Amino acid sequence: MKLAQISAFAAALAMSSLALAEGGGDRTFEKMMANSERSVELFVAKEKAAGNPVVVNEKKDDKTRDL
């Protein structure tokens, strides 16, 4: 009986770790950042076409430099 309980616990642990192993968070973050950059590019192009001055700050602080 104890072997069955240990086996069931191990199987449940293995299944949960497999289910949570690939959540897609990295892909989602990368897609979000790409969409954000594209939106900024489109905004800057639109504003330049309208003749409005646009200030784009490319400087990043120490926390965001590696992102």
C-alpha atoms as a PDB file:
ATOM      1  CA  MET A   1       0.000   0.000   0.000  1.00  0.00           C
ATOM      2  CA  LYS A   2       2.831   2.370   0.861  1.00  0.00           C
ATOM      3  CA  LEU A   3       4.467   1.661  -2.510  1.00  0.00           C
ATOM      4  CA  ALA A   4       1.216   2.578  -4.287  1.00  0.00           C
ATOM      5  CA  GLN A   5       1.014   5.887  -2.419  1.00  0.00           C
ATOM      6  CA  ILE A   6       4.626   6.758  -3.190  1.00  0.00           C
ATOM      7  CA  SER A   7       4.097   5.836  -6.844  1.00  0.00           C
ATOM      8  CA  ALA A   8       0.951   7.947  -7.067  1.00  0.00           C
ATOM      9  CA  PHE A   9       2.741  10.902  -5.444  1.00  0.00           C
ATOM     10  CA  ALA A  10       5.709  10.561  -7.832  1.00  0.00           C
ATOM     11  CA  ALA A  11       3.390  10.352 -10.848  1.00  0.00           C
ATOM     12  CA  ALA A  12       1.444  13.433  -9.743  1.00  0.00           C
ATOM     13  CA  LEU A  13       4.668  15.345  -9.165  1.00  0.00           C
ATOM     14  CA  ALA A  14       6.035  14.343 -12.571  1.00  0.00           C
ATOM     15  CA  MET A  15       2.819  15.301 -14.362  1.00  0.00           C
ATOM     16  CA  SER A  16       2.638  18.695 -12.688  1.00  0.00           C
ATOM     17  CA  SER A  17       6.254  19.512 -13.473  1.00  0.00           C
ATOM     18  CA  LEU A  18       5.735  18.548 -17.121  1.00  0.00           C
ATOM     19  CA  ALA A  19       2.585  20.625 -17.353  1.00  0.00           C
ATOM     20  CA  LEU A  20       4.293  23.713 -15.923  1.00  0.00           C
ATOM     21  CA  ALA A  21       7.644  23.271 -17.651  1.00  0.00           C
ATOM     22  CA  GLU A  22       6.790  25.218 -20.809  1.00  0.00           C
ATOM     23  CA  GLY A  23       4.381  28.017 -20.153  1.00  0.00           C
ATOM     24  CA  GLY A  24       5.439  30.121 -23.121  1.00  0.00           C
ATOM     25  CA  GLY A  25       6.267  33.135 -20.976  1.00  0.00           C
ATOM     26  CA  ASP A  26       9.509  33.868 -22.803  1.00  0.00           C
ATOM     27  CA  ARG A  27       7.837  33.700 -26.200  1.00  0.00           C
ATOM     28  CA  THR A  28       4.999  35.899 -24.990  1.00  0.00           C
ATOM     29  CA  PHE A  29       7.407  38.492 -23.570  1.00  0.00           C
ATOM     30  CA  GLU A  30       9.474  38.502 -26.770  1.00  0.00           C
ATOM     31  CA  LYS A  31       6.348  38.941 -28.886  1.00  0.00           C
ATOM     32  CA  MET A  32       5.127  41.761 -26.628  1.00  0.00           C
ATOM     33  CA  MET A  33       8.480  43.591 -26.891  1.00  0.00           C
ATOM     34  CA  ALA A  34       8.547  43.207 -30.682  1.00  0.00           C
ATOM     35  CA  ASN A  35       5.016  44.586 -30.929  1.00  0.00           C
ATOM     36  CA  SER A  36       5.949  47.475 -28.661  1.00  0.00           C
ATOM     37  CA  GLU A  37       8.994  48.370 -30.753  1.00  0.00           C
ATOM     38  CA  ARG A  38       6.937  48.169 -33.942  1.00  0.00           C
ATOM     39  CA  SER A  39       4.293  50.445 -32.416  1.00  0.00           C
ATOM     40  CA  VAL A  40       6.914  53.021 -31.483  1.00  0.00           C
ATOM     41  CA  GLU A  41       8.383  52.897 -34.988  1.00  0.00           C
ATOM     42  CA  LEU A  42       4.959  53.417 -36.545  1.00  0.00           C
ATOM     43  CA  PHE A  43       4.192  56.290 -34.155  1.00  0.00           C
ATOM     44  CA  VAL A  44       7.491  58.033 -34.900  1.00  0.00           C
ATOM     45  CA  ALA A  45       6.986  57.647 -38.648  1.00  0.00           C
ATOM     46  CA  LYS A  46       3.435  58.995 -38.397  1.00  0.00           C
ATOM     47  CA  GLU A  47       4.480  61.980 -36.305  1.00  0.00           C
ATOM     48  CA  LYS A  48       7.421  62.809 -38.587  1.00  0.00           C
ATOM     49  CA  ALA A  49       5.108  62.676 -41.600  1.00  0.00           C
ATOM     50  CA  ALA A  50       2.776  65.126 -39.852  1.00  0.00           C
ATOM     51  CA  GLY A  51       5.723  67.457 -39.141  1.00  0.00           C
ATOM     52  CA  ASN A  52       5.559  67.106 -35.375  1.00  0.00           C
ATOM     53  CA  PRO A  53       8.840  66.859 -33.449  1.00  0.00           C
ATOM     54  CA  VAL A  54       9.350  63.483 -31.772  1.00  0.00           C
ATOM     55  CA  VAL A  55      11.820  62.799 -28.969  1.00  0.00           C
ATOM     56  CA  VAL A  56      12.917  59.167 -28.706  1.00  0.00           C
ATOM     57  CA  ASN A  57      14.963  58.303 -25.643  1.00  0.00           C
ATOM     58  CA  GLU A  58      17.204  55.327 -26.346  1.00  0.00           C
ATOM     59  CA  LYS A  59      19.156  55.648 -23.088  1.00  0.00           C
ATOM     60  CA  LYS A  60      18.543  52.786 -20.668  1.00  0.00           C
ATOM     61  CA  ASP A  61      19.461  52.549 -17.037  1.00  0.00           C
ATOM     62  CA  ASP A  62      21.406  49.693 -15.419  1.00  0.00           C
ATOM     63  CA  LYS A  63      18.285  47.634 -14.741  1.00  0.00           C
ATOM     64  CA  THR A  64      16.979  47.628 -18.318  1.00  0.00           C
ATOM     65  CA  ARG A  65      20.292  47.486 -20.194  1.00  0.00           C
ATOM     66  CA  ASP A  66      20.394  43.674 -20.297  1.00  0.00           C
ATOM     67  CA  LEU A  67      16.770  43.229 -21.367  1.00  0.00           C
END
